[in-house]
Amino acid sequence: MPFKPNYNQQRSERNRAKEQKKQEKLQKREEETARRKATQEGDAPQDGDAPPNDATEPS
């Protein structure tokens, strides 16, 4: 074995890979949430689509 194992380097490499995986998972989760919200907004009536309710408006 020409070199001693560098445990700190190995550990930092594992931590870097773990953090990268965590960020990818978070990004995927945020994209899924945004996609779900977009589909829900598409199903809900828009502000201009609903007829005005005269009972809630003051005279």
Protein backbone atom coordinates (compact mmCIF):
# COMPACT_ATOMS: atom_id res chain seq x y z
CA MET A 1 0.00 0.00 0.00
CA PRO A 2 1.83 3.13 -1.18
CA PHE A 3 -0.19 5.65 0.86
CA LYS A 4 -1.86 5.67 4.24
CA PRO A 5 -5.64 5.87 3.98
CA ASN A 6 -6.89 9.41 4.42
CA TYR A 7 -9.96 8.89 6.57
CA ASN A 8 -10.85 12.58 6.73
CA GLN A 9 -10.89 12.80 2.95
CA GLN A 10 -13.01 9.66 2.68
CA ARG A 11 -15.41 10.99 5.28
CA SER A 12 -15.73 14.37 3.57
CA GLU A 13 -16.33 12.58 0.25
CA ARG A 14 -19.14 10.53 1.84
CA ASN A 15 -20.63 13.65 3.41
CA ARG A 16 -20.47 15.48 0.08
CA ALA A 17 -22.25 12.62 -1.70
CA LYS A 18 -24.85 12.45 1.08
CA GLU A 19 -25.52 16.20 0.87
CA GLN A 20 -25.78 16.05 -2.92
CA LYS A 21 -28.30 13.22 -2.69
CA LYS A 22 -30.28 15.15 -0.09
CA GLN A 23 -30.35 18.25 -2.34
CA GLU A 24 -31.52 16.20 -5.33
CA LYS A 25 -34.30 14.67 -3.24
CA LEU A 26 -35.36 18.11 -2.00
CA GLN A 27 -35.34 19.50 -5.55
CA LYS A 28 -37.48 16.59 -6.79
CA ARG A 29 -39.92 17.07 -3.91
CA GLU A 30 -40.24 20.81 -4.67
CA GLU A 31 -40.88 20.07 -8.35
CA GLU A 32 -43.58 17.55 -7.43
CA THR A 33 -45.20 20.09 -5.11
CA ALA A 34 -45.13 22.81 -7.77
CA ARG A 35 -46.62 20.43 -10.32
CA ARG A 36 -49.42 19.44 -7.93
CA LYS A 37 -50.18 23.08 -7.11
CA ALA A 38 -50.29 23.95 -10.81
CA THR A 39 -52.82 21.19 -11.51
CA GLN A 40 -54.95 22.22 -8.53
CA GLU A 41 -54.96 25.86 -9.67
CA GLY A 42 -56.00 24.73 -13.13
CA ASP A 43 -59.02 22.89 -11.70
CA ALA A 44 -60.14 25.73 -9.40
CA PRO A 45 -62.16 28.59 -10.93
CA GLN A 46 -60.25 31.79 -11.58
CA ASP A 47 -61.23 35.14 -10.01
CA GLY A 48 -62.91 36.35 -13.21
CA ASP A 49 -64.73 33.06 -13.85
CA ALA A 50 -66.98 33.04 -10.79
CA PRO A 51 -70.12 35.24 -10.86
CA PRO A 52 -70.08 38.06 -8.29
CA ASN A 53 -71.97 37.47 -5.07
CA ASP A 54 -74.19 40.51 -4.36
CA ALA A 55 -74.93 39.44 -0.77
CA THR A 56 -71.33 40.00 0.37
CA GLU A 57 -70.94 43.45 -1.23
CA PRO A 58 -72.07 46.41 0.91
CA SER A 59 -74.68 48.77 -0.63
